[in-house]
């Protein structure tokens, strides 16, 4: 009987470790693992279309995560998507002519904001706005334009 209970204990520990591993993996995929609130400053950018961007989506520069999206809302006056980003305070040397673009990463199609630094001598500060933005590329819209153009050329 002793042999069976030891075996059951090891199987139980193995299953518990598997569940803990799946939980950790799900936190990594959903960006919920960044519970810690570091010193940060806030910047905003207006996009014609923010696509599938979500709160807690990464904000990166040169491929390095430097912050995350903290809020997305619709401006009823300009009909634009206003994206608020929380940038880690150690990255406080982004020029004020930085551009923001929405890109897609990975197989799951997760979207993120990419910041491309400009050449200005002055830097973005808390509550500053990024003026130059590139909206998300909507795949359905691009395919529709391609098909419409192809049909137009065929009819000529």
C-alpha atoms as a PDB file:
ATOM      1  CA  UNK A   1       0.000   0.000   0.000  1.00  0.00           C
ATOM      2  CA  UNK A   2       2.907   2.365   0.729  1.00  0.00           C
ATOM      3  CA  UNK A   3       4.077   2.163  -2.879  1.00  0.00           C
ATOM      4  CA  UNK A   4       0.692   3.263  -4.256  1.00  0.00           C
ATOM      5  CA  UNK A   5       0.342   6.311  -1.980  1.00  0.00           C
ATOM      6  CA  UNK A   6       3.856   7.498  -2.890  1.00  0.00           C
ATOM      7  CA  UNK A   7       3.025   7.105  -6.547  1.00  0.00           C
ATOM      8  CA  UNK A   8      -0.245   9.021  -6.071  1.00  0.00           C
ATOM      9  CA  UNK A   9       1.633  11.829  -4.328  1.00  0.00           C
ATOM     10  CA  UNK A  10       4.101  12.169  -7.217  1.00  0.00           C
ATOM     11  CA  UNK A  11       1.284  12.151  -9.771  1.00  0.00           C
ATOM     12  CA  UNK A  12      -0.541  14.825  -7.741  1.00  0.00           C
ATOM     13  CA  UNK A  13       2.588  17.004  -7.587  1.00  0.00           C
ATOM     14  CA  UNK A  14       3.142  16.557 -11.319  1.00  0.00           C
ATOM     15  CA  UNK A  15      -0.435  17.621 -12.109  1.00  0.00           C
ATOM     16  CA  UNK A  16      -0.165  20.626  -9.752  1.00  0.00           C
ATOM     17  CA  UNK A  17       3.092  21.699 -11.436  1.00  0.00           C
ATOM     18  CA  UNK A  18       1.408  21.373 -14.847  1.00  0.00           C
ATOM     19  CA  UNK A  19      -1.516  23.569 -13.747  1.00  0.00           C
ATOM     20  CA  UNK A  20       0.893  26.165 -12.297  1.00  0.00           C
ATOM     21  CA  UNK A  21       2.838  26.136 -15.596  1.00  0.00           C
ATOM     22  CA  UNK A  22      -0.330  26.706 -17.632  1.00  0.00           C
ATOM     23  CA  UNK A  23      -1.355  29.552 -15.312  1.00  0.00           C
ATOM     24  CA  UNK A  24       2.070  31.211 -15.736  1.00  0.00           C
ATOM     25  CA  UNK A  25       1.911  30.756 -19.522  1.00  0.00           C
ATOM     26  CA  UNK A  26      -1.566  32.324 -19.687  1.00  0.00           C
ATOM     27  CA  UNK A  27      -0.340  35.332 -17.698  1.00  0.00           C
ATOM     28  CA  UNK A  28       2.566  35.799 -20.102  1.00  0.00           C
ATOM     29  CA  UNK A  29       0.358  35.581 -23.202  1.00  0.00           C
ATOM     30  CA  UNK A  30      -2.262  38.004 -21.849  1.00  0.00           C
ATOM     31  CA  UNK A  31       0.244  40.599 -20.512  1.00  0.00           C
ATOM     32  CA  UNK A  32      -1.243  40.340 -17.025  1.00  0.00           C
ATOM     33  CA  UNK A  33       2.093  39.371 -15.507  1.00  0.00           C
ATOM     34  CA  UNK A  34       3.156  43.001 -15.236  1.00  0.00           C
ATOM     35  CA  UNK A  35       1.388  43.699 -11.955  1.00  0.00           C
ATOM     36  CA  UNK A  36       4.162  45.908 -10.619  1.00  0.00           C
ATOM     37  CA  UNK A  37       3.560  49.614 -11.049  1.00  0.00           C
ATOM     38  CA  UNK A  38       6.863  51.365 -11.736  1.00  0.00           C
ATOM     39  CA  UNK A  39       7.565  55.059 -11.952  1.00  0.00           C
ATOM     40  CA  UNK A  40       6.158  56.170 -15.271  1.00  0.00           C
ATOM     41  CA  UNK A  41       4.959  59.128 -17.256  1.00  0.00           C
ATOM     42  CA  UNK A  42       1.930  59.377 -19.532  1.00  0.00           C
ATOM     43  CA  UNK A  43       1.781  60.319 -23.206  1.00  0.00           C
ATOM     44  CA  UNK A  44      -1.133  60.219 -25.648  1.00  0.00           C
ATOM     45  CA  UNK A  45      -1.475  59.700 -29.371  1.00  0.00           C
ATOM     46  CA  UNK A  46      -4.470  59.998 -31.698  1.00  0.00           C
ATOM     47  CA  UNK A  47      -5.005  57.337 -34.349  1.00  0.00           C
ATOM     48  CA  UNK A  48      -7.439  57.220 -37.242  1.00  0.00           C
ATOM     49  CA  UNK A  49      -7.912  53.543 -36.381  1.00  0.00           C
ATOM     50  CA  UNK A  50      -6.468  51.699 -33.382  1.00  0.00           C
ATOM     51  CA  UNK A  51      -7.427  48.273 -34.753  1.00  0.00           C
ATOM     52  CA  UNK A  52      -7.319  45.517 -32.144  1.00  0.00           C
ATOM     53  CA  UNK A  53      -5.107  47.422 -29.719  1.00  0.00           C
ATOM     54  CA  UNK A  54      -6.052  46.749 -26.088  1.00  0.00           C
ATOM     55  CA  UNK A  55      -5.343  48.193 -22.687  1.00  0.00           C
ATOM     56  CA  UNK A  56      -2.079  46.629 -21.392  1.00  0.00           C
ATOM     57  CA  UNK A  57      -0.779  46.129 -24.943  1.00  0.00           C
ATOM     58  CA  UNK A  58       2.983  46.711 -25.083  1.00  0.00           C
ATOM     59  CA  UNK A  59       4.586  49.979 -26.146  1.00  0.00           C
ATOM     60  CA  UNK A  60       8.031  49.458 -27.630  1.00  0.00           C
ATOM     61  CA  UNK A  61      10.904  51.393 -29.157  1.00  0.00           C
ATOM     62  CA  UNK A  62      13.595  49.637 -31.213  1.00  0.00           C
ATOM     63  CA  UNK A  63      12.034  46.298 -30.267  1.00  0.00           C
ATOM     64  CA  UNK A  64      12.312  46.887 -26.510  1.00  0.00           C
ATOM     65  CA  UNK A  65       9.204  47.117 -24.338  1.00  0.00           C
ATOM     66  CA  UNK A  66       9.270  50.546 -22.682  1.00  0.00           C
ATOM     67  CA  UNK A  67       5.700  50.797 -21.456  1.00  0.00           C
ATOM     68  CA  UNK A  68       2.111  49.747 -21.979  1.00  0.00           C
ATOM     69  CA  UNK A  69      -1.205  51.117 -23.182  1.00  0.00           C
ATOM     70  CA  UNK A  70      -3.171  52.386 -20.178  1.00  0.00           C
ATOM     71  CA  UNK A  71      -6.369  53.652 -21.855  1.00  0.00           C
ATOM     72  CA  UNK A  72      -8.115  53.748 -25.228  1.00  0.00           C
ATOM     73  CA  UNK A  73     -11.170  55.858 -25.899  1.00  0.00           C
ATOM     74  CA  UNK A  74     -13.084  57.371 -28.814  1.00  0.00           C
ATOM     75  CA  UNK A  75     -13.085  61.145 -29.281  1.00  0.00           C
ATOM     76  CA  UNK A  76     -16.612  62.079 -30.407  1.00  0.00           C
ATOM     77  CA  UNK A  77     -15.488  65.439 -31.810  1.00  0.00           C
ATOM     78  CA  UNK A  78     -12.612  64.298 -34.045  1.00  0.00           C
ATOM     79  CA  UNK A  79     -13.786  60.684 -34.564  1.00  0.00           C
ATOM     80  CA  UNK A  80     -10.363  59.397 -33.617  1.00  0.00           C
ATOM     81  CA  UNK A  81      -9.086  56.784 -31.229  1.00  0.00           C
ATOM     82  CA  UNK A  82      -7.127  58.359 -28.356  1.00  0.00           C
ATOM     83  CA  UNK A  83      -4.500  56.004 -26.942  1.00  0.00           C
ATOM     84  CA  UNK A  84      -2.936  56.806 -23.576  1.00  0.00           C
ATOM     85  CA  UNK A  85       0.407  55.141 -22.885  1.00  0.00           C
ATOM     86  CA  UNK A  86       2.302  54.729 -19.647  1.00  0.00           C
ATOM     87  CA  UNK A  87       6.058  54.884 -20.342  1.00  0.00           C
ATOM     88  CA  UNK A  88       8.640  53.684 -17.815  1.00  0.00           C
ATOM     89  CA  UNK A  89      10.381  56.768 -16.391  1.00  0.00           C
ATOM     90  CA  UNK A  90      13.862  55.415 -17.155  1.00  0.00           C
ATOM     91  CA  UNK A  91      13.004  56.007 -20.841  1.00  0.00           C
ATOM     92  CA  UNK A  92      12.541  59.763 -20.412  1.00  0.00           C
ATOM     93  CA  UNK A  93      14.714  60.764 -23.390  1.00  0.00           C
ATOM     94  CA  UNK A  94      12.200  60.210 -26.186  1.00  0.00           C
ATOM     95  CA  UNK A  95      12.356  63.246 -28.504  1.00  0.00           C
ATOM     96  CA  UNK A  96       9.138  65.278 -28.758  1.00  0.00           C
ATOM     97  CA  UNK A  97       8.958  64.580 -32.517  1.00  0.00           C
ATOM     98  CA  UNK A  98       8.653  60.816 -31.919  1.00  0.00           C
ATOM     99  CA  UNK A  99       6.175  59.009 -34.182  1.00  0.00           C
ATOM    100  CA  UNK A 100       3.770  56.284 -33.046  1.00  0.00           C
ATOM    101  CA  UNK A 101       2.589  53.359 -35.186  1.00  0.00           C
ATOM    102  CA  UNK A 102       0.402  50.353 -34.458  1.00  0.00           C
ATOM    103  CA  UNK A 103       1.940  47.060 -35.548  1.00  0.00           C
ATOM    104  CA  UNK A 104       0.994  43.406 -35.282  1.00  0.00           C
ATOM    105  CA  UNK A 105       3.311  40.885 -33.624  1.00  0.00           C
ATOM    106  CA  UNK A 106       3.314  37.134 -33.452  1.00  0.00           C
ATOM    107  CA  UNK A 107       1.058  34.430 -34.791  1.00  0.00           C
ATOM    108  CA  UNK A 108      -1.845  35.412 -32.551  1.00  0.00           C
ATOM    109  CA  UNK A 109      -1.988  38.885 -34.089  1.00  0.00           C
ATOM    110  CA  UNK A 110      -1.331  40.795 -30.879  1.00  0.00           C
ATOM    111  CA  UNK A 111      -1.062  44.496 -31.639  1.00  0.00           C
ATOM    112  CA  UNK A 112       1.340  46.925 -30.007  1.00  0.00           C
ATOM    113  CA  UNK A 113       2.405  50.556 -30.279  1.00  0.00           C
ATOM    114  CA  UNK A 114       5.852  51.165 -31.743  1.00  0.00           C
ATOM    115  CA  UNK A 115       7.530  54.495 -31.027  1.00  0.00           C
ATOM    116  CA  UNK A 116      10.082  55.733 -33.555  1.00  0.00           C
ATOM    117  CA  UNK A 117      12.264  58.479 -32.017  1.00  0.00           C
ATOM    118  CA  UNK A 118      12.818  61.646 -34.036  1.00  0.00           C
ATOM    119  CA  UNK A 119      15.779  64.017 -33.947  1.00  0.00           C
ATOM    120  CA  UNK A 120      14.523  66.812 -31.708  1.00  0.00           C
ATOM    121  CA  UNK A 121      16.657  68.149 -28.852  1.00  0.00           C
ATOM    122  CA  UNK A 122      13.671  68.405 -26.476  1.00  0.00           C
ATOM    123  CA  UNK A 123      12.017  65.371 -24.894  1.00  0.00           C
ATOM    124  CA  UNK A 124       8.489  64.121 -24.263  1.00  0.00           C
ATOM    125  CA  UNK A 125       7.233  64.923 -20.766  1.00  0.00           C
ATOM    126  CA  UNK A 126       4.274  63.781 -18.686  1.00  0.00           C
ATOM    127  CA  UNK A 127       0.913  64.397 -20.443  1.00  0.00           C
ATOM    128  CA  UNK A 128       2.547  65.303 -23.778  1.00  0.00           C
ATOM    129  CA  UNK A 129       0.956  64.310 -27.078  1.00  0.00           C
ATOM    130  CA  UNK A 130       2.512  62.547 -30.043  1.00  0.00           C
ATOM    131  CA  UNK A 131       1.431  64.382 -33.192  1.00  0.00           C
ATOM    132  CA  UNK A 132       2.649  62.039 -35.950  1.00  0.00           C
ATOM    133  CA  UNK A 133       0.881  58.672 -35.935  1.00  0.00           C
ATOM    134  CA  UNK A 134       0.353  55.742 -38.305  1.00  0.00           C
ATOM    135  CA  UNK A 135      -2.896  53.786 -37.775  1.00  0.00           C
ATOM    136  CA  UNK A 136      -3.208  50.023 -37.657  1.00  0.00           C
ATOM    137  CA  UNK A 137      -3.358  48.249 -40.997  1.00  0.00           C
ATOM    138  CA  UNK A 138      -6.707  46.516 -41.235  1.00  0.00           C
ATOM    139  CA  UNK A 139      -6.206  43.327 -43.224  1.00  0.00           C
ATOM    140  CA  UNK A 140      -9.810  43.156 -44.461  1.00  0.00           C
ATOM    141  CA  UNK A 141      -9.611  46.727 -45.775  1.00  0.00           C
ATOM    142  CA  UNK A 142      -6.314  46.064 -47.574  1.00  0.00           C
ATOM    143  CA  UNK A 143      -7.680  42.885 -49.189  1.00  0.00           C
ATOM    144  CA  UNK A 144     -10.851  44.730 -50.222  1.00  0.00           C
ATOM    145  CA  UNK A 145      -8.834  47.492 -51.885  1.00  0.00           C
ATOM    146  CA  UNK A 146      -6.695  44.926 -53.687  1.00  0.00           C
ATOM    147  CA  UNK A 147      -9.751  43.024 -54.953  1.00  0.00           C
ATOM    148  CA  UNK A 148     -11.493  46.242 -56.011  1.00  0.00           C
ATOM    149  CA  UNK A 149      -8.381  47.354 -57.926  1.00  0.00           C
ATOM    150  CA  UNK A 150      -8.040  43.927 -59.562  1.00  0.00           C
ATOM    151  CA  UNK A 151     -11.711  43.949 -60.618  1.00  0.00           C
ATOM    152  CA  UNK A 152     -11.348  47.498 -61.950  1.00  0.00           C
ATOM    153  CA  UNK A 153      -8.319  46.528 -64.078  1.00  0.00           C
ATOM    154  CA  UNK A 154     -10.115  43.435 -65.380  1.00  0.00           C
ATOM    155  CA  UNK A 155     -13.120  45.467 -66.560  1.00  0.00           C
ATOM    156  CA  UNK A 156     -10.935  47.818 -68.642  1.00  0.00           C
END
